[in-house]
Amino acid sequence: ALIEAQPITIDTHLFGVRGDEQLGIDIVARQRGLDRTEIWAYQCKRYKDYSPGKLKQAIKKFKYPADYYVLMLSIPATAAIRQVADDQPNVFLWDALDISRKLKNYPALVEDFFGRSWREAFCSETHPMREQQ
């Protein structure tokens, strides 16, 4: 939903279902580039611990033909993990902090998935919970 909500996204969909050969990705999006439509492929990783080696393995599995790849990580990325992504010209890394920052621009998505109270706490600058911090 976050990818679909981006203003540059033309179309997006999950690539297959559990058990399918997914060519190293989970989501495909057609997005507006500067001079043409680009294909962006996304891989979602929900881990408690992630290493530079695991990221290198994930990148090697990218077989879907795309212009850009985004690995979405459910935890904060270390500097070493960021360096692996930075060394690849067409690979981007969105860690838990990046995803949270992006979600703040889409309060309706936060409410849709987590409820109104989460939207108010997470997205509102004037919410009492923020004032206590």
N, C-alpha and C. Protein backbone atom coordinates (compact mmCIF):
# COMPACT_ATOMS: atom_id res chain seq x y z
N ALA A 1 0.82 -1.20 0.00
CA ALA A 1 0.00 0.00 0.00
C ALA A 1 0.87 1.26 0.00
N LEU A 2 2.00 1.22 0.70
CA LEU A 2 2.89 2.37 0.73
C LEU A 2 3.46 2.65 -0.66
N ILE A 3 3.82 1.63 -1.38
CA ILE A 3 4.36 1.81 -2.73
C ILE A 3 3.26 2.33 -3.66
N GLU A 4 2.09 1.76 -3.55
CA GLU A 4 0.97 2.18 -4.38
C GLU A 4 0.59 3.64 -4.13
N ALA A 5 0.77 4.12 -2.92
CA ALA A 5 0.40 5.49 -2.56
C ALA A 5 1.39 6.54 -3.10
N GLN A 6 2.56 6.12 -3.51
CA GLN A 6 3.56 7.07 -4.01
C GLN A 6 3.02 7.77 -5.27
N PRO A 7 3.18 9.09 -5.38
CA PRO A 7 2.62 9.81 -6.52
C PRO A 7 3.21 9.38 -7.87
N ILE A 8 4.38 8.78 -7.88
CA ILE A 8 4.99 8.35 -9.14
C ILE A 8 4.55 6.96 -9.58
N THR A 9 3.83 6.25 -8.71
CA THR A 9 3.44 4.88 -9.03
C THR A 9 2.25 4.86 -9.98
N ILE A 10 2.42 4.12 -11.06
CA ILE A 10 1.35 3.94 -12.05
C ILE A 10 0.55 2.69 -11.73
N ASP A 11 1.26 1.61 -11.40
CA ASP A 11 0.63 0.33 -11.11
C ASP A 11 1.55 -0.46 -10.20
N THR A 12 0.99 -1.26 -9.32
CA THR A 12 1.79 -2.13 -8.47
C THR A 12 1.01 -3.38 -8.12
N HIS A 13 1.73 -4.46 -7.89
CA HIS A 13 1.08 -5.70 -7.47
C HIS A 13 2.10 -6.63 -6.82
N LEU A 14 1.56 -7.54 -6.01
CA LEU A 14 2.40 -8.60 -5.45
C LEU A 14 2.85 -9.49 -6.60
N PHE A 15 4.07 -9.99 -6.52
CA PHE A 15 4.57 -10.87 -7.55
C PHE A 15 4.48 -12.31 -7.05
N GLY A 16 3.36 -12.94 -7.34
CA GLY A 16 3.16 -14.33 -6.96
C GLY A 16 2.64 -14.48 -5.55
N VAL A 17 2.56 -15.73 -5.14
CA VAL A 17 2.10 -16.09 -3.80
C VAL A 17 3.13 -17.02 -3.17
N ARG A 18 2.99 -17.25 -1.88
CA ARG A 18 3.92 -18.13 -1.17
C ARG A 18 4.05 -19.45 -1.92
N GLY A 19 5.30 -19.85 -2.13
CA GLY A 19 5.58 -21.09 -2.82
C GLY A 19 5.90 -20.90 -4.30
N ASP A 20 5.54 -19.75 -4.88
CA ASP A 20 5.88 -19.47 -6.27
C ASP A 20 7.36 -19.14 -6.41
N GLU A 21 7.88 -19.33 -7.59
CA GLU A 21 9.23 -18.85 -7.91
C GLU A 21 9.10 -17.35 -8.15
N GLN A 22 9.59 -16.54 -7.21
CA GLN A 22 9.36 -15.10 -7.25
C GLN A 22 10.56 -14.31 -7.78
N LEU A 23 11.57 -14.98 -8.24
CA LEU A 23 12.73 -14.31 -8.86
C LEU A 23 13.38 -13.29 -7.93
N GLY A 24 13.31 -13.55 -6.62
CA GLY A 24 13.98 -12.71 -5.63
C GLY A 24 13.23 -11.46 -5.23
N ILE A 25 11.96 -11.34 -5.61
CA ILE A 25 11.20 -10.13 -5.27
C ILE A 25 9.84 -10.50 -4.70
N ASP A 26 9.18 -9.50 -4.11
CA ASP A 26 7.82 -9.68 -3.59
C ASP A 26 6.80 -8.79 -4.28
N ILE A 27 7.23 -7.61 -4.72
CA ILE A 27 6.32 -6.59 -5.27
C ILE A 27 6.94 -6.00 -6.52
N VAL A 28 6.10 -5.72 -7.52
CA VAL A 28 6.55 -5.04 -8.75
C VAL A 28 5.72 -3.77 -8.90
N ALA A 29 6.40 -2.69 -9.29
CA ALA A 29 5.70 -1.43 -9.53
C ALA A 29 6.20 -0.79 -10.82
N ARG A 30 5.27 -0.25 -11.59
CA ARG A 30 5.62 0.61 -12.73
C ARG A 30 5.53 2.03 -12.21
N GLN A 31 6.63 2.77 -12.36
CA GLN A 31 6.69 4.12 -11.80
C GLN A 31 7.19 5.10 -12.85
N ARG A 32 6.72 6.34 -12.72
CA ARG A 32 7.13 7.39 -13.65
C ARG A 32 8.58 7.78 -13.39
N GLY A 33 9.41 7.66 -14.42
CA GLY A 33 10.78 8.15 -14.35
C GLY A 33 10.85 9.51 -15.04
N LEU A 34 12.04 10.04 -15.20
CA LEU A 34 12.19 11.34 -15.85
C LEU A 34 11.77 11.32 -17.30
N ASP A 35 12.13 10.25 -18.01
CA ASP A 35 11.83 10.21 -19.44
C ASP A 35 11.11 8.95 -19.91
N ARG A 36 10.78 8.06 -18.97
CA ARG A 36 10.10 6.82 -19.34
C ARG A 36 9.54 6.14 -18.09
N THR A 37 8.73 5.14 -18.30
CA THR A 37 8.24 4.32 -17.20
C THR A 37 9.34 3.38 -16.76
N GLU A 38 9.55 3.28 -15.45
CA GLU A 38 10.58 2.41 -14.89
C GLU A 38 9.92 1.26 -14.14
N ILE A 39 10.62 0.15 -14.10
CA ILE A 39 10.17 -1.01 -13.32
C ILE A 39 10.98 -1.04 -12.02
N TRP A 40 10.26 -1.03 -10.91
CA TRP A 40 10.87 -1.12 -9.59
C TRP A 40 10.41 -2.43 -8.96
N ALA A 41 11.35 -3.18 -8.42
CA ALA A 41 11.04 -4.44 -7.76
C ALA A 41 11.41 -4.32 -6.28
N TYR A 42 10.55 -4.83 -5.42
CA TYR A 42 10.71 -4.71 -3.98
C TYR A 42 10.78 -6.09 -3.34
N GLN A 43 11.66 -6.23 -2.37
CA GLN A 43 11.78 -7.45 -1.58
C GLN A 43 11.58 -7.05 -0.11
N CYS A 44 10.72 -7.76 0.58
CA CYS A 44 10.43 -7.46 1.99
C CYS A 44 11.11 -8.50 2.88
N LYS A 45 11.85 -8.01 3.87
CA LYS A 45 12.56 -8.90 4.80
C LYS A 45 12.12 -8.59 6.21
N ARG A 46 11.47 -9.55 6.84
CA ARG A 46 11.01 -9.39 8.23
C ARG A 46 11.89 -10.28 9.11
N TYR A 47 12.91 -9.67 9.67
CA TYR A 47 13.89 -10.39 10.47
C TYR A 47 14.11 -9.66 11.80
N LYS A 48 14.54 -10.40 12.80
CA LYS A 48 14.96 -9.79 14.07
C LYS A 48 16.42 -9.38 13.99
N ASP A 49 17.17 -10.03 13.10
CA ASP A 49 18.59 -9.75 12.93
C ASP A 49 18.91 -9.88 11.44
N TYR A 50 19.71 -8.98 10.93
CA TYR A 50 20.07 -9.01 9.51
C TYR A 50 21.52 -8.59 9.38
N SER A 51 22.21 -9.20 8.43
CA SER A 51 23.64 -8.95 8.29
C SER A 51 23.98 -8.51 6.87
N PRO A 52 25.16 -7.94 6.67
CA PRO A 52 25.60 -7.60 5.32
C PRO A 52 25.62 -8.83 4.41
N GLY A 53 26.00 -9.98 4.95
CA GLY A 53 26.01 -11.20 4.16
C GLY A 53 24.63 -11.60 3.68
N LYS A 54 23.63 -11.46 4.54
CA LYS A 54 22.25 -11.77 4.14
C LYS A 54 21.79 -10.82 3.04
N LEU A 55 22.18 -9.56 3.13
CA LEU A 55 21.81 -8.61 2.08
C LEU A 55 22.48 -8.98 0.76
N LYS A 56 23.73 -9.35 0.80
CA LYS A 56 24.43 -9.77 -0.42
C LYS A 56 23.74 -10.97 -1.05
N GLN A 57 23.30 -11.92 -0.22
CA GLN A 57 22.58 -13.09 -0.73
C GLN A 57 21.26 -12.67 -1.38
N ALA A 58 20.54 -11.76 -0.74
CA ALA A 58 19.26 -11.30 -1.28
C ALA A 58 19.46 -10.61 -2.63
N ILE A 59 20.50 -9.79 -2.74
CA ILE A 59 20.78 -9.09 -3.99
C ILE A 59 21.10 -10.09 -5.11
N LYS A 60 21.84 -11.14 -4.80
CA LYS A 60 22.16 -12.17 -5.80
C LYS A 60 20.91 -12.87 -6.32
N LYS A 61 19.86 -12.91 -5.51
CA LYS A 61 18.62 -13.58 -5.91
C LYS A 61 17.73 -12.71 -6.79
N PHE A 62 18.06 -11.42 -6.95
CA PHE A 62 17.26 -10.54 -7.81
C PHE A 62 17.39 -11.00 -9.26
N LYS A 63 16.40 -11.73 -9.74
CA LYS A 63 16.40 -12.23 -11.12
C LYS A 63 15.31 -11.58 -11.97
N TYR A 64 14.37 -10.93 -11.31
CA TYR A 64 13.30 -10.25 -12.04
C TYR A 64 13.91 -9.06 -12.78
N PRO A 65 13.60 -8.88 -14.07
CA PRO A 65 14.19 -7.77 -14.83
C PRO A 65 13.58 -6.42 -14.41
N ALA A 66 14.33 -5.65 -13.65
CA ALA A 66 13.84 -4.36 -13.16
C ALA A 66 14.94 -3.31 -13.33
N ASP A 67 14.51 -2.06 -13.37
CA ASP A 67 15.46 -0.95 -13.42
C ASP A 67 16.08 -0.71 -12.05
N TYR A 68 15.26 -0.87 -11.01
CA TYR A 68 15.70 -0.61 -9.64
C TYR A 68 15.12 -1.66 -8.71
N TYR A 69 15.86 -1.93 -7.64
CA TYR A 69 15.43 -2.88 -6.62
C TYR A 69 15.47 -2.18 -5.27
N VAL A 70 14.45 -2.44 -4.46
CA VAL A 70 14.38 -1.90 -3.11
C VAL A 70 14.22 -3.06 -2.15
N LEU A 71 15.12 -3.15 -1.19
CA LEU A 71 14.99 -4.15 -0.14
C LEU A 71 14.42 -3.43 1.08
N MET A 72 13.25 -3.88 1.54
CA MET A 72 12.58 -3.29 2.69
C MET A 72 12.84 -4.17 3.90
N LEU A 73 13.47 -3.59 4.90
CA LEU A 73 13.94 -4.32 6.07
C LEU A 73 13.14 -3.91 7.31
N SER A 74 12.71 -4.87 8.10
CA SER A 74 11.83 -4.59 9.24
C SER A 74 12.57 -4.09 10.49
N ILE A 75 13.88 -3.98 10.43
CA ILE A 75 14.67 -3.49 11.56
C ILE A 75 15.57 -2.36 11.09
N PRO A 76 16.14 -1.59 12.00
CA PRO A 76 17.10 -0.56 11.58
C PRO A 76 18.34 -1.20 10.95
N ALA A 77 18.84 -0.58 9.90
CA ALA A 77 20.02 -1.10 9.19
C ALA A 77 21.30 -0.55 9.82
N THR A 78 22.28 -1.42 9.95
CA THR A 78 23.59 -0.98 10.43
C THR A 78 24.33 -0.27 9.29
N ALA A 79 25.41 0.40 9.65
CA ALA A 79 26.24 1.07 8.63
C ALA A 79 26.78 0.05 7.63
N ALA A 80 27.17 -1.12 8.10
CA ALA A 80 27.71 -2.15 7.22
C ALA A 80 26.66 -2.63 6.21
N ILE A 81 25.42 -2.76 6.64
CA ILE A 81 24.34 -3.15 5.73
C ILE A 81 24.10 -2.04 4.71
N ARG A 82 24.08 -0.80 5.18
CA ARG A 82 23.90 0.33 4.27
C ARG A 82 25.00 0.37 3.21
N GLN A 83 26.22 0.08 3.62
CA GLN A 83 27.33 0.12 2.68
C GLN A 83 27.16 -0.91 1.56
N VAL A 84 26.67 -2.09 1.89
CA VAL A 84 26.41 -3.10 0.86
C VAL A 84 25.42 -2.57 -0.16
N ALA A 85 24.32 -1.98 0.31
CA ALA A 85 23.32 -1.42 -0.61
C ALA A 85 23.90 -0.27 -1.41
N ASP A 86 24.65 0.60 -0.76
CA ASP A 86 25.24 1.76 -1.44
C ASP A 86 26.22 1.35 -2.53
N ASP A 87 26.83 0.19 -2.40
CA ASP A 87 27.79 -0.29 -3.40
C ASP A 87 27.12 -0.79 -4.68
N GLN A 88 25.79 -0.94 -4.64
CA GLN A 88 25.04 -1.39 -5.82
C GLN A 88 24.32 -0.20 -6.43
N PRO A 89 24.59 0.12 -7.70
CA PRO A 89 24.03 1.34 -8.28
C PRO A 89 22.51 1.36 -8.43
N ASN A 90 21.87 0.22 -8.51
CA ASN A 90 20.42 0.21 -8.71
C ASN A 90 19.66 -0.46 -7.57
N VAL A 91 20.29 -0.52 -6.38
CA VAL A 91 19.68 -1.13 -5.20
C VAL A 91 19.52 -0.08 -4.10
N PHE A 92 18.34 -0.04 -3.55
CA PHE A 92 18.05 0.88 -2.44
C PHE A 92 17.62 0.07 -1.23
N LEU A 93 17.88 0.61 -0.06
CA LEU A 93 17.51 -0.05 1.18
C LEU A 93 16.57 0.87 1.96
N TRP A 94 15.40 0.35 2.31
CA TRP A 94 14.49 1.04 3.21
C TRP A 94 14.44 0.21 4.48
N ASP A 95 15.00 0.74 5.56
CA ASP A 95 14.92 0.01 6.83
C ASP A 95 13.68 0.46 7.60
N ALA A 96 13.52 -0.04 8.81
CA ALA A 96 12.33 0.28 9.61
C ALA A 96 12.17 1.78 9.82
N LEU A 97 13.27 2.50 10.00
CA LEU A 97 13.19 3.94 10.22
C LEU A 97 12.79 4.67 8.93
N ASP A 98 13.32 4.24 7.80
CA ASP A 98 12.94 4.84 6.51
C ASP A 98 11.46 4.62 6.23
N ILE A 99 11.00 3.40 6.46
CA ILE A 99 9.60 3.08 6.20
C ILE A 99 8.69 3.90 7.12
N SER A 100 9.06 4.02 8.38
CA SER A 100 8.27 4.82 9.32
C SER A 100 8.21 6.28 8.87
N ARG A 101 9.34 6.82 8.47
CA ARG A 101 9.38 8.21 8.01
C ARG A 101 8.47 8.40 6.79
N LYS A 102 8.50 7.47 5.87
CA LYS A 102 7.64 7.56 4.68
C LYS A 102 6.16 7.43 5.06
N LEU A 103 5.85 6.54 6.00
CA LEU A 103 4.46 6.34 6.40
C LEU A 103 3.84 7.57 7.06
N LYS A 104 4.65 8.40 7.70
CA LYS A 104 4.12 9.59 8.35
C LYS A 104 3.40 10.51 7.35
N ASN A 105 3.75 10.41 6.07
CA ASN A 105 3.11 11.21 5.03
C ASN A 105 1.78 10.61 4.57
N TYR A 106 1.44 9.44 5.09
CA TYR A 106 0.23 8.75 4.67
C TYR A 106 -0.58 8.28 5.88
N PRO A 107 -1.16 9.22 6.63
CA PRO A 107 -1.90 8.83 7.84
C PRO A 107 -3.07 7.89 7.56
N ALA A 108 -3.68 7.99 6.38
CA ALA A 108 -4.79 7.08 6.06
C ALA A 108 -4.30 5.63 5.99
N LEU A 109 -3.08 5.42 5.49
CA LEU A 109 -2.53 4.06 5.46
C LEU A 109 -2.29 3.54 6.88
N VAL A 110 -1.73 4.40 7.72
CA VAL A 110 -1.47 3.99 9.10
C VAL A 110 -2.78 3.60 9.77
N GLU A 111 -3.82 4.40 9.57
CA GLU A 111 -5.12 4.09 10.18
C GLU A 111 -5.71 2.81 9.59
N ASP A 112 -5.59 2.63 8.29
CA ASP A 112 -6.14 1.46 7.64
C ASP A 112 -5.54 0.17 8.20
N PHE A 113 -4.24 0.16 8.44
CA PHE A 113 -3.58 -1.06 8.89
C PHE A 113 -3.50 -1.20 10.41
N PHE A 114 -3.47 -0.06 11.13
CA PHE A 114 -3.23 -0.13 12.57
C PHE A 114 -4.32 0.49 13.42
N GLY A 115 -5.23 1.25 12.83
CA GLY A 115 -6.32 1.85 13.57
C GLY A 115 -6.12 3.35 13.82
N ARG A 116 -7.22 3.97 14.23
CA ARG A 116 -7.23 5.42 14.41
C ARG A 116 -6.28 5.90 15.50
N SER A 117 -6.23 5.17 16.61
CA SER A 117 -5.37 5.62 17.72
C SER A 117 -3.90 5.58 17.31
N TRP A 118 -3.51 4.59 16.52
CA TRP A 118 -2.13 4.54 16.03
C TRP A 118 -1.86 5.71 15.08
N ARG A 119 -2.82 6.00 14.21
CA ARG A 119 -2.64 7.14 13.30
C ARG A 119 -2.44 8.42 14.09
N GLU A 120 -3.27 8.63 15.10
CA GLU A 120 -3.16 9.85 15.90
C GLU A 120 -1.82 9.91 16.63
N ALA A 121 -1.38 8.81 17.17
CA ALA A 121 -0.12 8.79 17.91
C ALA A 121 1.09 8.89 16.99
N PHE A 122 1.01 8.26 15.86
CA PHE A 122 2.16 8.15 14.97
C PHE A 122 2.30 9.34 14.03
N CYS A 123 1.19 9.89 13.57
CA CYS A 123 1.24 10.91 12.51
C CYS A 123 1.00 12.33 12.98
N SER A 124 0.41 12.52 14.14
CA SER A 124 0.04 13.86 14.58
C SER A 124 1.16 14.50 15.39
N GLU A 125 1.57 15.68 14.99
CA GLU A 125 2.61 16.42 15.72
C GLU A 125 2.07 16.99 17.03
N THR A 126 0.75 17.18 17.15
CA THR A 126 0.18 17.81 18.34
C THR A 126 -0.48 16.81 19.28
N HIS A 127 -0.35 15.54 18.99
CA HIS A 127 -0.97 14.53 19.85
C HIS A 127 -0.32 14.55 21.23
N PRO A 128 -1.11 14.40 22.30
CA PRO A 128 -0.55 14.43 23.67
C PRO A 128 0.61 13.47 23.89
N MET A 129 0.61 12.34 23.23
CA MET A 129 1.71 11.39 23.39
C MET A 129 3.03 11.99 22.91
N ARG A 130 3.00 12.79 21.88
CA ARG A 130 4.22 13.43 21.37
C ARG A 130 4.72 14.49 22.35
N GLU A 131 3.78 15.20 22.99
CA GLU A 131 4.16 16.26 23.91
C GLU A 131 4.87 15.70 25.15
N GLN A 132 4.60 14.44 25.50
CA GLN A 132 5.23 13.84 26.65
C GLN A 132 6.66 13.38 26.37
N GLN A 133 7.02 13.28 25.12
CA GLN A 133 8.35 12.77 24.77
C GLN A 133 9.44 13.78 24.99
